[in-house]
N, C-alpha and C. Protein backbone atom coordinates (compact mmCIF):
# COMPACT_ATOMS: atom_id res chain seq x y z
N UNK A 1 7.28 -11.66 4.14
CA UNK A 1 7.76 -11.58 2.77
C UNK A 1 6.85 -10.69 1.92
N UNK A 2 5.54 -10.78 2.11
CA UNK A 2 4.62 -9.97 1.31
C UNK A 2 4.79 -8.48 1.58
N UNK A 3 5.08 -8.11 2.82
CA UNK A 3 5.32 -6.70 3.13
C UNK A 3 6.57 -6.22 2.39
N UNK A 4 7.58 -7.07 2.30
CA UNK A 4 8.80 -6.70 1.56
C UNK A 4 8.49 -6.53 0.07
N UNK A 5 7.67 -7.43 -0.47
CA UNK A 5 7.28 -7.32 -1.88
C UNK A 5 6.52 -6.02 -2.13
N UNK A 6 5.63 -5.69 -1.24
CA UNK A 6 4.86 -4.45 -1.38
C UNK A 6 5.79 -3.24 -1.32
N UNK A 7 6.65 -3.21 -0.33
CA UNK A 7 7.58 -2.09 -0.18
C UNK A 7 8.48 -1.97 -1.41
N UNK A 8 9.02 -3.08 -1.87
CA UNK A 8 9.91 -3.05 -3.05
C UNK A 8 9.16 -2.55 -4.28
N UNK A 9 7.91 -3.00 -4.45
CA UNK A 9 7.11 -2.57 -5.60
C UNK A 9 6.76 -1.10 -5.58
N UNK A 10 6.82 -0.50 -4.39
CA UNK A 10 6.53 0.93 -4.24
C UNK A 10 7.79 1.76 -4.10
N UNK A 11 8.96 1.11 -4.25
CA UNK A 11 10.22 1.83 -4.15
C UNK A 11 10.58 2.24 -2.74
N UNK A 12 10.10 1.49 -1.76
CA UNK A 12 10.36 1.78 -0.35
C UNK A 12 11.36 0.78 0.20
N UNK A 13 12.08 1.16 1.25
CA UNK A 13 13.01 0.20 1.86
C UNK A 13 12.25 -0.93 2.55
N UNK A 14 12.96 -2.03 2.81
CA UNK A 14 12.33 -3.15 3.52
C UNK A 14 11.76 -2.68 4.85
N UNK A 15 10.52 -3.02 5.12
CA UNK A 15 9.92 -2.65 6.41
C UNK A 15 10.46 -3.56 7.52
N UNK A 16 10.42 -3.06 8.73
CA UNK A 16 10.86 -3.87 9.86
C UNK A 16 9.73 -4.75 10.38
N UNK A 17 8.54 -4.53 9.88
CA UNK A 17 7.37 -5.32 10.30
C UNK A 17 6.43 -5.49 9.13
N UNK A 18 5.15 -5.62 9.41
CA UNK A 18 4.18 -5.87 8.36
C UNK A 18 3.47 -4.60 7.87
N UNK A 19 3.88 -3.44 8.37
CA UNK A 19 3.25 -2.18 7.96
C UNK A 19 4.13 -1.46 6.95
N UNK A 20 3.51 -1.04 5.86
CA UNK A 20 4.20 -0.28 4.82
C UNK A 20 3.50 1.07 4.73
N UNK A 21 4.29 2.14 4.82
CA UNK A 21 3.75 3.48 4.75
C UNK A 21 4.38 4.19 3.56
N UNK A 22 3.57 4.92 2.83
CA UNK A 22 4.03 5.59 1.62
C UNK A 22 3.58 7.04 1.64
N UNK A 23 4.52 7.97 1.52
CA UNK A 23 4.18 9.39 1.44
C UNK A 23 3.67 9.69 0.03
N UNK A 24 2.51 10.34 -0.04
CA UNK A 24 1.88 10.69 -1.31
C UNK A 24 1.43 12.14 -1.27
N UNK A 25 1.16 12.70 -2.44
CA UNK A 25 0.69 14.10 -2.50
C UNK A 25 -0.68 14.26 -1.90
N UNK A 26 -1.57 13.32 -2.20
CA UNK A 26 -2.95 13.42 -1.74
C UNK A 26 -3.35 12.08 -1.13
N UNK A 27 -3.14 11.96 0.17
CA UNK A 27 -3.40 10.69 0.86
C UNK A 27 -4.87 10.30 0.80
N UNK A 28 -5.75 11.27 0.88
CA UNK A 28 -7.19 10.97 0.83
C UNK A 28 -7.58 10.39 -0.52
N UNK A 29 -7.03 10.93 -1.61
CA UNK A 29 -7.33 10.42 -2.95
C UNK A 29 -6.74 9.02 -3.14
N UNK A 30 -5.53 8.79 -2.65
CA UNK A 30 -4.93 7.47 -2.74
C UNK A 30 -5.73 6.45 -1.94
N UNK A 31 -6.16 6.85 -0.74
CA UNK A 31 -6.98 5.97 0.09
C UNK A 31 -8.29 5.63 -0.64
N UNK A 32 -8.92 6.61 -1.25
CA UNK A 32 -10.17 6.38 -1.97
C UNK A 32 -9.97 5.44 -3.15
N UNK A 33 -8.87 5.61 -3.89
CA UNK A 33 -8.58 4.74 -5.03
C UNK A 33 -8.36 3.30 -4.58
N UNK A 34 -7.64 3.13 -3.49
CA UNK A 34 -7.39 1.79 -2.96
C UNK A 34 -8.69 1.16 -2.46
N UNK A 35 -9.46 1.91 -1.70
CA UNK A 35 -10.70 1.38 -1.15
C UNK A 35 -11.72 1.05 -2.24
N UNK A 36 -11.69 1.81 -3.33
CA UNK A 36 -12.59 1.52 -4.46
C UNK A 36 -12.27 0.16 -5.08
N UNK A 37 -11.05 -0.29 -4.91
CA UNK A 37 -10.64 -1.60 -5.41
C UNK A 37 -10.69 -2.68 -4.34
N UNK A 38 -11.27 -2.35 -3.19
CA UNK A 38 -11.40 -3.32 -2.11
C UNK A 38 -10.15 -3.52 -1.29
N UNK A 39 -9.24 -2.56 -1.37
CA UNK A 39 -7.97 -2.65 -0.64
C UNK A 39 -8.08 -1.77 0.59
N UNK A 40 -7.95 -2.39 1.75
CA UNK A 40 -8.06 -1.64 3.01
C UNK A 40 -6.74 -0.94 3.30
N UNK A 41 -6.85 0.30 3.71
CA UNK A 41 -5.68 1.11 4.05
C UNK A 41 -6.15 2.25 4.94
N UNK A 42 -5.20 3.09 5.33
CA UNK A 42 -5.55 4.26 6.12
C UNK A 42 -4.71 5.45 5.67
N UNK A 43 -5.36 6.58 5.45
CA UNK A 43 -4.65 7.82 5.15
C UNK A 43 -4.26 8.44 6.49
N UNK A 44 -3.00 8.71 6.65
CA UNK A 44 -2.48 9.34 7.86
C UNK A 44 -1.61 10.52 7.44
N UNK A 45 -2.13 11.72 7.64
CA UNK A 45 -1.41 12.94 7.25
C UNK A 45 -1.10 12.86 5.76
N UNK A 46 0.16 12.84 5.38
CA UNK A 46 0.54 12.77 3.96
C UNK A 46 0.90 11.34 3.55
N UNK A 47 0.53 10.37 4.35
CA UNK A 47 0.91 8.98 4.09
C UNK A 47 -0.30 8.08 3.91
N UNK A 48 -0.08 7.02 3.17
CA UNK A 48 -1.03 5.92 3.10
C UNK A 48 -0.37 4.76 3.83
N UNK A 49 -1.09 4.18 4.75
CA UNK A 49 -0.57 3.10 5.59
C UNK A 49 -1.28 1.80 5.22
N UNK A 50 -0.47 0.79 4.93
CA UNK A 50 -0.98 -0.53 4.56
C UNK A 50 -0.40 -1.56 5.51
N UNK A 51 -1.23 -2.43 6.02
CA UNK A 51 -0.78 -3.49 6.92
C UNK A 51 -1.01 -4.83 6.24
N UNK A 52 0.07 -5.52 5.96
CA UNK A 52 0.02 -6.82 5.30
C UNK A 52 -0.12 -7.90 6.37
N UNK A 53 -0.99 -8.88 6.07
CA UNK A 53 -1.21 -9.97 7.02
C UNK A 53 -1.04 -11.31 6.33
N UNK A 54 -0.99 -12.35 7.11
CA UNK A 54 -0.73 -13.69 6.58
C UNK A 54 -1.77 -14.16 5.57
N UNK A 55 -2.97 -13.63 5.64
CA UNK A 55 -4.00 -14.09 4.70
C UNK A 55 -4.00 -13.31 3.39
N UNK A 56 -3.14 -12.29 3.25
CA UNK A 56 -3.02 -11.59 1.97
C UNK A 56 -2.30 -12.49 0.96
N UNK A 57 -2.59 -12.26 -0.32
CA UNK A 57 -1.99 -13.06 -1.38
C UNK A 57 -1.04 -12.21 -2.22
N UNK A 58 -0.20 -12.87 -2.99
CA UNK A 58 0.70 -12.15 -3.89
C UNK A 58 -0.09 -11.36 -4.92
N UNK A 59 -1.23 -11.89 -5.36
CA UNK A 59 -2.08 -11.17 -6.32
C UNK A 59 -2.60 -9.87 -5.72
N UNK A 60 -2.98 -9.89 -4.45
CA UNK A 60 -3.45 -8.67 -3.78
C UNK A 60 -2.32 -7.64 -3.67
N UNK A 61 -1.13 -8.10 -3.39
CA UNK A 61 0.02 -7.19 -3.29
C UNK A 61 0.28 -6.55 -4.64
N UNK A 62 0.26 -7.34 -5.71
CA UNK A 62 0.49 -6.81 -7.06
C UNK A 62 -0.61 -5.81 -7.44
N UNK A 63 -1.86 -6.11 -7.08
CA UNK A 63 -2.97 -5.19 -7.38
C UNK A 63 -2.82 -3.89 -6.61
N UNK A 64 -2.39 -3.98 -5.36
CA UNK A 64 -2.17 -2.79 -4.54
C UNK A 64 -1.09 -1.90 -5.16
N UNK A 65 -0.02 -2.51 -5.60
CA UNK A 65 1.06 -1.75 -6.25
C UNK A 65 0.53 -1.06 -7.50
N UNK A 66 -0.22 -1.78 -8.32
CA UNK A 66 -0.78 -1.20 -9.56
C UNK A 66 -1.70 0.00 -9.25
N UNK A 67 -2.57 -0.17 -8.28
CA UNK A 67 -3.52 0.91 -7.93
C UNK A 67 -2.75 2.12 -7.42
N UNK A 68 -1.78 1.90 -6.55
CA UNK A 68 -1.02 3.04 -6.01
C UNK A 68 -0.19 3.73 -7.07
N UNK A 69 0.41 2.98 -7.96
CA UNK A 69 1.21 3.61 -9.04
C UNK A 69 0.32 4.47 -9.93
N UNK A 70 -0.89 4.02 -10.17
CA UNK A 70 -1.82 4.81 -10.99
C UNK A 70 -2.34 6.03 -10.24
N UNK A 71 -2.46 5.91 -8.93
CA UNK A 71 -3.05 7.00 -8.13
C UNK A 71 -2.04 8.08 -7.77
N UNK A 72 -0.78 7.76 -7.76
CA UNK A 72 0.24 8.76 -7.36
C UNK A 72 1.18 9.08 -8.45
């Protein structure tokens, strides 16, 4: 459910699993902004890849959405 919330908050379709990938203009800058806020992710080519797990919280998902919206 948290992966769906993250995808919806980023305007992405429902993921088929727990990984949400988002195409951005500058993946390295988005990765740096997320990591500066303690959010683990990976820049892959033009995408930022986020893997949601059972120990993530709704607050973390909301913070991730806020950071990404500000960064892109």
